[in-house]
ModelCIF file with pLDDT and N, C-alpha, C, O atoms, coordinates in Angstrom:
data_MODEL
#
_entry.id   MODEL 
#
_entity.id                         1 
_entity.type                       polymer 
_entity.pdbx_number_of_molecules   1 
#
_entity_poly.entity_id                      1 
_entity_poly.type                           'polypeptide(L)' 
_entity_poly.nstd_linkage                   no 
_entity_poly.nstd_monomer                   no 
_entity_poly.pdbx_seq_one_letter_code       LYSVEQVADRLGLHVRTIRNYVRDGRLKAVRIGKQ 
_entity_poly.pdbx_seq_one_letter_code_can   LYSVEQVADRLGLHVRTIRNYVRDGRLKAVRIGKQ 
_entity_poly.pdbx_strand_id                 A 
#
loop_
_entity_poly_seq.entity_id 
_entity_poly_seq.num 
_entity_poly_seq.mon_id 
_entity_poly_seq.hetero 
1 1  LEU n 
1 2  TYR n 
1 3  SER n 
1 4  VAL n 
1 5  GLU n 
1 6  GLN n 
1 7  VAL n 
1 8  ALA n 
1 9  ASP n 
1 10 ARG n 
1 11 LEU n 
1 12 GLY n 
1 13 LEU n 
1 14 HIS n 
1 15 VAL n 
1 16 ARG n 
1 17 THR n 
1 18 ILE n 
1 19 ARG n 
1 20 ASN n 
1 21 TYR n 
1 22 VAL n 
1 23 ARG n 
1 24 ASP n 
1 25 GLY n 
1 26 ARG n 
1 27 LEU n 
1 28 LYS n 
1 29 ALA n 
1 30 VAL n 
1 31 ARG n 
1 32 ILE n 
1 33 GLY n 
1 34 LYS n 
1 35 GLN n 
#
_struct_asym.id          A 
_struct_asym.entity_id   1 
#
loop_
_ma_qa_metric.id 
_ma_qa_metric.mode 
_ma_qa_metric.name 
_ma_qa_metric.software_group_id 
_ma_qa_metric.type 
1 global pLDDT . pLDDT 
2 local  pLDDT . pLDDT 
#
_ma_qa_metric_global.metric_id      1 
_ma_qa_metric_global.metric_value   90.83 
_ma_qa_metric_global.model_id       1 
_ma_qa_metric_global.ordinal_id     1 
#
loop_
_ma_qa_metric_local.label_asym_id 
_ma_qa_metric_local.label_comp_id 
_ma_qa_metric_local.label_seq_id 
_ma_qa_metric_local.metric_id 
_ma_qa_metric_local.metric_value 
_ma_qa_metric_local.model_id 
_ma_qa_metric_local.ordinal_id 
A LEU 1  2 90.00 1 1  
A TYR 2  2 93.00 1 2  
A SER 3  2 92.00 1 3  
A VAL 4  2 94.00 1 4  
A GLU 5  2 93.00 1 5  
A GLN 6  2 93.00 1 6  
A VAL 7  2 93.00 1 7  
A ALA 8  2 91.00 1 8  
A ASP 9  2 91.00 1 9  
A ARG 10 2 89.00 1 10 
A LEU 11 2 90.00 1 11 
A GLY 12 2 89.00 1 12 
A LEU 13 2 91.00 1 13 
A HIS 14 2 92.00 1 14 
A VAL 15 2 92.00 1 15 
A ARG 16 2 93.00 1 16 
A THR 17 2 92.00 1 17 
A ILE 18 2 93.00 1 18 
A ARG 19 2 92.00 1 19 
A ASN 20 2 92.00 1 20 
A TYR 21 2 92.00 1 21 
A VAL 22 2 92.00 1 22 
A ARG 23 2 90.00 1 23 
A ASP 24 2 89.00 1 24 
A GLY 25 2 89.00 1 25 
A ARG 26 2 90.00 1 26 
A LEU 27 2 93.00 1 27 
A LYS 28 2 93.00 1 28 
A ALA 29 2 92.00 1 29 
A VAL 30 2 91.00 1 30 
A ARG 31 2 88.00 1 31 
A ILE 32 2 86.00 1 32 
A GLY 33 2 84.00 1 33 
A LYS 34 2 86.00 1 34 
A GLN 35 2 89.00 1 35 
#
loop_
_atom_site.group_PDB 
_atom_site.id 
_atom_site.type_symbol 
_atom_site.label_atom_id 
_atom_site.label_alt_id 
_atom_site.label_comp_id 
_atom_site.label_asym_id 
_atom_site.label_entity_id 
_atom_site.label_seq_id 
_atom_site.pdbx_PDB_ins_code 
_atom_site.Cartn_x 
_atom_site.Cartn_y 
_atom_site.Cartn_z 
_atom_site.occupancy 
_atom_site.B_iso_or_equiv 
_atom_site.pdbx_formal_charge 
_atom_site.auth_seq_id 
_atom_site.auth_comp_id 
_atom_site.auth_asym_id 
_atom_site.auth_atom_id 
_atom_site.pdbx_PDB_model_num 
ATOM 1   N N  . LEU A 1 1  ? -17.396 18.284 10.925 1.00 90.00 ? 1  LEU A N  1 
ATOM 2   C CA . LEU A 1 1  ? -17.314 17.052 11.368 1.00 90.00 ? 1  LEU A CA 1 
ATOM 3   C C  . LEU A 1 1  ? -18.599 16.401 11.763 1.00 90.00 ? 1  LEU A C  1 
ATOM 4   O O  . LEU A 1 1  ? -19.411 17.113 12.352 1.00 90.00 ? 1  LEU A O  1 
ATOM 5   N N  . TYR A 1 2  ? -18.908 15.146 11.525 1.00 93.00 ? 2  TYR A N  1 
ATOM 6   C CA . TYR A 1 2  ? -20.155 14.504 11.970 1.00 93.00 ? 2  TYR A CA 1 
ATOM 7   C C  . TYR A 1 2  ? -19.860 13.314 12.830 1.00 93.00 ? 2  TYR A C  1 
ATOM 8   O O  . TYR A 1 2  ? -18.857 12.622 12.656 1.00 93.00 ? 2  TYR A O  1 
ATOM 9   N N  . SER A 1 3  ? -20.725 13.094 13.734 1.00 92.00 ? 3  SER A N  1 
ATOM 10  C CA . SER A 1 3  ? -20.686 11.923 14.648 1.00 92.00 ? 3  SER A CA 1 
ATOM 11  C C  . SER A 1 3  ? -21.091 10.708 13.858 1.00 92.00 ? 3  SER A C  1 
ATOM 12  O O  . SER A 1 3  ? -21.647 10.815 12.765 1.00 92.00 ? 3  SER A O  1 
ATOM 13  N N  . VAL A 1 4  ? -20.815 9.577  14.407 1.00 94.00 ? 4  VAL A N  1 
ATOM 14  C CA . VAL A 1 4  ? -21.247 8.276  13.801 1.00 94.00 ? 4  VAL A CA 1 
ATOM 15  C C  . VAL A 1 4  ? -22.826 8.246  13.783 1.00 94.00 ? 4  VAL A C  1 
ATOM 16  O O  . VAL A 1 4  ? -23.394 7.710  12.833 1.00 94.00 ? 4  VAL A O  1 
ATOM 17  N N  . GLU A 1 5  ? -23.490 8.771  14.739 1.00 93.00 ? 5  GLU A N  1 
ATOM 18  C CA . GLU A 1 5  ? -24.948 8.774  14.701 1.00 93.00 ? 5  GLU A CA 1 
ATOM 19  C C  . GLU A 1 5  ? -25.504 9.768  13.654 1.00 93.00 ? 5  GLU A C  1 
ATOM 20  O O  . GLU A 1 5  ? -26.528 9.485  13.034 1.00 93.00 ? 5  GLU A O  1 
ATOM 21  N N  . GLN A 1 6  ? -24.862 10.894 13.456 1.00 93.00 ? 6  GLN A N  1 
ATOM 22  C CA . GLN A 1 6  ? -25.271 11.727 12.389 1.00 93.00 ? 6  GLN A CA 1 
ATOM 23  C C  . GLN A 1 6  ? -25.103 11.097 10.988 1.00 93.00 ? 6  GLN A C  1 
ATOM 24  O O  . GLN A 1 6  ? -25.979 11.201 10.130 1.00 93.00 ? 6  GLN A O  1 
ATOM 25  N N  . VAL A 1 7  ? -23.954 10.448 10.798 1.00 93.00 ? 7  VAL A N  1 
ATOM 26  C CA . VAL A 1 7  ? -23.660 9.845  9.517  1.00 93.00 ? 7  VAL A CA 1 
ATOM 27  C C  . VAL A 1 7  ? -24.666 8.725  9.334  1.00 93.00 ? 7  VAL A C  1 
ATOM 28  O O  . VAL A 1 7  ? -25.234 8.618  8.247  1.00 93.00 ? 7  VAL A O  1 
ATOM 29  N N  . ALA A 1 8  ? -24.926 7.880  10.330 1.00 91.00 ? 8  ALA A N  1 
ATOM 30  C CA . ALA A 1 8  ? -25.942 6.783  10.191 1.00 91.00 ? 8  ALA A CA 1 
ATOM 31  C C  . ALA A 1 8  ? -27.297 7.313  9.854  1.00 91.00 ? 8  ALA A C  1 
ATOM 32  O O  . ALA A 1 8  ? -28.036 6.719  9.069  1.00 91.00 ? 8  ALA A O  1 
ATOM 33  N N  . ASP A 1 9  ? -27.631 8.458  10.463 1.00 91.00 ? 9  ASP A N  1 
ATOM 34  C CA . ASP A 1 9  ? -28.992 9.061  10.179 1.00 91.00 ? 9  ASP A CA 1 
ATOM 35  C C  . ASP A 1 9  ? -29.005 9.621  8.700  1.00 91.00 ? 9  ASP A C  1 
ATOM 36  O O  . ASP A 1 9  ? -30.034 9.509  8.033  1.00 91.00 ? 9  ASP A O  1 
ATOM 37  N N  . ARG A 1 10 ? -27.941 10.188 8.209  1.00 89.00 ? 10 ARG A N  1 
ATOM 38  C CA . ARG A 1 10 ? -27.927 10.754 6.951  1.00 89.00 ? 10 ARG A CA 1 
ATOM 39  C C  . ARG A 1 10 ? -27.952 9.607  5.870  1.00 89.00 ? 10 ARG A C  1 
ATOM 40  O O  . ARG A 1 10 ? -28.547 9.818  4.813  1.00 89.00 ? 10 ARG A O  1 
ATOM 41  N N  . LEU A 1 11 ? -27.350 8.443  6.088  1.00 90.00 ? 11 LEU A N  1 
ATOM 42  C CA . LEU A 1 11 ? -27.360 7.445  5.214  1.00 90.00 ? 11 LEU A CA 1 
ATOM 43  C C  . LEU A 1 11 ? -28.442 6.389  5.297  1.00 90.00 ? 11 LEU A C  1 
ATOM 44  O O  . LEU A 1 11 ? -28.589 5.516  4.442  1.00 90.00 ? 11 LEU A O  1 
ATOM 45  N N  . GLY A 1 12 ? -29.205 6.525  6.403  1.00 89.00 ? 12 GLY A N  1 
ATOM 46  C CA . GLY A 1 12 ? -30.216 5.604  6.711  1.00 89.00 ? 12 GLY A CA 1 
ATOM 47  C C  . GLY A 1 12 ? -29.759 4.213  7.157  1.00 89.00 ? 12 GLY A C  1 
ATOM 48  O O  . GLY A 1 12 ? -30.439 3.214  6.926  1.00 89.00 ? 12 GLY A O  1 
ATOM 49  N N  . LEU A 1 13 ? -28.632 4.178  7.779  1.00 91.00 ? 13 LEU A N  1 
ATOM 50  C CA . LEU A 1 13 ? -28.054 2.966  8.196  1.00 91.00 ? 13 LEU A CA 1 
ATOM 51  C C  . LEU A 1 13 ? -27.888 2.908  9.737  1.00 91.00 ? 13 LEU A C  1 
ATOM 52  O O  . LEU A 1 13 ? -27.926 3.945  10.399 1.00 91.00 ? 13 LEU A O  1 
ATOM 53  N N  . HIS A 1 14 ? -27.716 1.775  10.266 1.00 92.00 ? 14 HIS A N  1 
ATOM 54  C CA . HIS A 1 14 ? -27.498 1.551  11.719 1.00 92.00 ? 14 HIS A CA 1 
ATOM 55  C C  . HIS A 1 14 ? -26.211 2.037  12.141 1.00 92.00 ? 14 HIS A C  1 
ATOM 56  O O  . HIS A 1 14 ? -25.251 1.978  11.373 1.00 92.00 ? 14 HIS A O  1 
ATOM 57  N N  . VAL A 1 15 ? -26.110 2.543  13.380 1.00 92.00 ? 15 VAL A N  1 
ATOM 58  C CA . VAL A 1 15 ? -24.865 3.097  13.916 1.00 92.00 ? 15 VAL A CA 1 
ATOM 59  C C  . VAL A 1 15 ? -23.740 2.037  13.966 1.00 92.00 ? 15 VAL A C  1 
ATOM 60  O O  . VAL A 1 15 ? -22.568 2.351  13.756 1.00 92.00 ? 15 VAL A O  1 
ATOM 61  N N  . ARG A 1 16 ? -24.102 0.855  14.231 1.00 93.00 ? 16 ARG A N  1 
ATOM 62  C CA . ARG A 1 16 ? -23.079 -0.273 14.179 1.00 93.00 ? 16 ARG A CA 1 
ATOM 63  C C  . ARG A 1 16 ? -22.547 -0.444 12.831 1.00 93.00 ? 16 ARG A C  1 
ATOM 64  O O  . ARG A 1 16 ? -21.371 -0.787 12.712 1.00 93.00 ? 16 ARG A O  1 
ATOM 65  N N  . THR A 1 17 ? -23.276 -0.246 11.801 1.00 92.00 ? 17 THR A N  1 
ATOM 66  C CA . THR A 1 17 ? -22.792 -0.423 10.447 1.00 92.00 ? 17 THR A CA 1 
ATOM 67  C C  . THR A 1 17 ? -21.742 0.578  10.156 1.00 92.00 ? 17 THR A C  1 
ATOM 68  O O  . THR A 1 17 ? -20.699 0.277  9.576  1.00 92.00 ? 17 THR A O  1 
ATOM 69  N N  . ILE A 1 18 ? -22.052 1.868  10.597 1.00 93.00 ? 18 ILE A N  1 
ATOM 70  C CA . ILE A 1 18 ? -21.137 2.969  10.331 1.00 93.00 ? 18 ILE A CA 1 
ATOM 71  C C  . ILE A 1 18 ? -19.811 2.683  11.123 1.00 93.00 ? 18 ILE A C  1 
ATOM 72  O O  . ILE A 1 18 ? -18.716 2.858  10.589 1.00 93.00 ? 18 ILE A O  1 
ATOM 73  N N  . ARG A 1 19 ? -19.943 2.244  12.397 1.00 92.00 ? 19 ARG A N  1 
ATOM 74  C CA . ARG A 1 19 ? -18.718 1.958  13.148 1.00 92.00 ? 19 ARG A CA 1 
ATOM 75  C C  . ARG A 1 19 ? -17.902 0.856  12.495 1.00 92.00 ? 19 ARG A C  1 
ATOM 76  O O  . ARG A 1 19 ? -16.672 0.904  12.506 1.00 92.00 ? 19 ARG A O  1 
ATOM 77  N N  . ASN A 1 20 ? -18.589 -0.156 11.916 1.00 92.00 ? 20 ASN A N  1 
ATOM 78  C CA . ASN A 1 20 ? -17.885 -1.268 11.251 1.00 92.00 ? 20 ASN A CA 1 
ATOM 79  C C  . ASN A 1 20 ? -17.147 -0.669 10.036 1.00 92.00 ? 20 ASN A C  1 
ATOM 80  O O  . ASN A 1 20 ? -15.972 -0.952 9.801  1.00 92.00 ? 20 ASN A O  1 
ATOM 81  N N  . TYR A 1 21 ? -17.854 0.144  9.297  1.00 92.00 ? 21 TYR A N  1 
ATOM 82  C CA . TYR A 1 21 ? -17.168 0.759  8.097  1.00 92.00 ? 21 TYR A CA 1 
ATOM 83  C C  . TYR A 1 21 ? -15.853 1.503  8.589  1.00 92.00 ? 21 TYR A C  1 
ATOM 84  O O  . TYR A 1 21 ? -14.803 1.379  7.957  1.00 92.00 ? 21 TYR A O  1 
ATOM 85  N N  . VAL A 1 22 ? -15.936 2.224  9.654  1.00 92.00 ? 22 VAL A N  1 
ATOM 86  C CA . VAL A 1 22 ? -14.776 2.993  10.132 1.00 92.00 ? 22 VAL A CA 1 
ATOM 87  C C  . VAL A 1 22 ? -13.742 2.001  10.582 1.00 92.00 ? 22 VAL A C  1 
ATOM 88  O O  . VAL A 1 22 ? -12.569 2.185  10.260 1.00 92.00 ? 22 VAL A O  1 
ATOM 89  N N  . ARG A 1 23 ? -14.097 0.953  11.310 1.00 90.00 ? 23 ARG A N  1 
ATOM 90  C CA . ARG A 1 23 ? -13.077 0.020  11.799 1.00 90.00 ? 23 ARG A CA 1 
ATOM 91  C C  . ARG A 1 23 ? -12.384 -0.706 10.713 1.00 90.00 ? 23 ARG A C  1 
ATOM 92  O O  . ARG A 1 23 ? -11.187 -0.985 10.767 1.00 90.00 ? 23 ARG A O  1 
ATOM 93  N N  . ASP A 1 24 ? -13.242 -1.035 9.628  1.00 89.00 ? 24 ASP A N  1 
ATOM 94  C CA . ASP A 1 24 ? -12.725 -1.776 8.481  1.00 89.00 ? 24 ASP A CA 1 
ATOM 95  C C  . ASP A 1 24 ? -11.831 -0.897 7.572  1.00 89.00 ? 24 ASP A C  1 
ATOM 96  O O  . ASP A 1 24 ? -11.101 -1.422 6.731  1.00 89.00 ? 24 ASP A O  1 
ATOM 97  N N  . GLY A 1 25 ? -11.893 0.455  7.745  1.00 89.00 ? 25 GLY A N  1 
ATOM 98  C CA . GLY A 1 25 ? -11.115 1.369  6.968  1.00 89.00 ? 25 GLY A CA 1 
ATOM 99  C C  . GLY A 1 25 ? -11.836 1.829  5.750  1.00 89.00 ? 25 GLY A C  1 
ATOM 100 O O  . GLY A 1 25 ? -11.269 2.558  4.936  1.00 89.00 ? 25 GLY A O  1 
ATOM 101 N N  . ARG A 1 26 ? -13.152 1.402  5.581  1.00 90.00 ? 26 ARG A N  1 
ATOM 102 C CA . ARG A 1 26 ? -13.860 1.753  4.369  1.00 90.00 ? 26 ARG A CA 1 
ATOM 103 C C  . ARG A 1 26 ? -14.388 3.264  4.487  1.00 90.00 ? 26 ARG A C  1 
ATOM 104 O O  . ARG A 1 26 ? -14.653 3.923  3.482  1.00 90.00 ? 26 ARG A O  1 
ATOM 105 N N  . LEU A 1 27 ? -14.510 3.727  5.697  1.00 93.00 ? 27 LEU A N  1 
ATOM 106 C CA . LEU A 1 27 ? -14.929 5.142  5.881  1.00 93.00 ? 27 LEU A CA 1 
ATOM 107 C C  . LEU A 1 27 ? -13.875 5.704  6.815  1.00 93.00 ? 27 LEU A C  1 
ATOM 108 O O  . LEU A 1 27 ? -13.638 5.215  7.919  1.00 93.00 ? 27 LEU A O  1 
ATOM 109 N N  . LYS A 1 28 ? -13.235 6.797  6.290  1.00 93.00 ? 28 LYS A N  1 
ATOM 110 C CA . LYS A 1 28 ? -12.185 7.523  7.052  1.00 93.00 ? 28 LYS A CA 1 
ATOM 111 C C  . LYS A 1 28 ? -12.801 8.267  8.214  1.00 93.00 ? 28 LYS A C  1 
ATOM 112 O O  . LYS A 1 28 ? -13.852 8.893  8.077  1.00 93.00 ? 28 LYS A O  1 
ATOM 113 N N  . ALA A 1 29 ? -12.165 8.200  9.323  1.00 92.00 ? 29 ALA A N  1 
ATOM 114 C CA . ALA A 1 29 ? -12.697 8.930  10.583 1.00 92.00 ? 29 ALA A CA 1 
ATOM 115 C C  . ALA A 1 29 ? -11.569 9.177  11.445 1.00 92.00 ? 29 ALA A C  1 
ATOM 116 O O  . ALA A 1 29 ? -10.506 8.566  11.334 1.00 92.00 ? 29 ALA A O  1 
ATOM 117 N N  . VAL A 1 30 ? -11.819 10.160 12.391 1.00 91.00 ? 30 VAL A N  1 
ATOM 118 C CA . VAL A 1 30 ? -10.777 10.502 13.421 1.00 91.00 ? 30 VAL A CA 1 
ATOM 119 C C  . VAL A 1 30 ? -11.286 10.171 14.740 1.00 91.00 ? 30 VAL A C  1 
ATOM 120 O O  . VAL A 1 30 ? -12.433 10.519 15.018 1.00 91.00 ? 30 VAL A O  1 
ATOM 121 N N  . ARG A 1 31 ? -10.545 9.510  15.632 1.00 88.00 ? 31 ARG A N  1 
ATOM 122 C CA . ARG A 1 31 ? -11.003 9.162  16.884 1.00 88.00 ? 31 ARG A CA 1 
ATOM 123 C C  . ARG A 1 31 ? -10.655 10.304 17.855 1.00 88.00 ? 31 ARG A C  1 
ATOM 124 O O  . ARG A 1 31 ? -9.480  10.632 18.023 1.00 88.00 ? 31 ARG A O  1 
ATOM 125 N N  . ILE A 1 32 ? -11.662 10.907 18.490 1.00 86.00 ? 32 ILE A N  1 
ATOM 126 C CA . ILE A 1 32 ? -11.516 11.906 19.453 1.00 86.00 ? 32 ILE A CA 1 
ATOM 127 C C  . ILE A 1 32 ? -12.117 11.398 20.790 1.00 86.00 ? 32 ILE A C  1 
ATOM 128 O O  . ILE A 1 32 ? -13.327 11.242 20.957 1.00 86.00 ? 32 ILE A O  1 
ATOM 129 N N  . GLY A 1 33 ? -11.184 11.156 21.711 1.00 84.00 ? 33 GLY A N  1 
ATOM 130 C CA . GLY A 1 33 ? -11.601 10.505 23.010 1.00 84.00 ? 33 GLY A CA 1 
ATOM 131 C C  . GLY A 1 33 ? -12.131 9.049  22.666 1.00 84.00 ? 33 GLY A C  1 
ATOM 132 O O  . GLY A 1 33 ? -11.417 8.241  22.073 1.00 84.00 ? 33 GLY A O  1 
ATOM 133 N N  . LYS A 1 34 ? -13.301 8.790  23.035 1.00 86.00 ? 34 LYS A N  1 
ATOM 134 C CA . LYS A 1 34 ? -13.877 7.483  22.815 1.00 86.00 ? 34 LYS A CA 1 
ATOM 135 C C  . LYS A 1 34 ? -14.811 7.459  21.631 1.00 86.00 ? 34 LYS A C  1 
ATOM 136 O O  . LYS A 1 34 ? -15.454 6.445  21.358 1.00 86.00 ? 34 LYS A O  1 
ATOM 137 N N  . GLN A 1 35 ? -14.891 8.629  20.889 1.00 89.00 ? 35 GLN A N  1 
ATOM 138 C CA . GLN A 1 35 ? -15.844 8.758  19.749 1.00 89.00 ? 35 GLN A CA 1 
ATOM 139 C C  . GLN A 1 35 ? -15.101 8.991  18.432 1.00 89.00 ? 35 GLN A C  1 
ATOM 140 O O  . GLN A 1 35 ? -15.730 9.122  17.383 1.00 89.00 ? 35 GLN A O  1 
#
């Protein structure tokens, strides 16, 4: 499992962009606590 920060770093994107992808359903993720 990767954190949003790790994925953003791997893809060269901003953390907010990755979070938006997750919220929009474009990138599948699991919410654990607040992350």
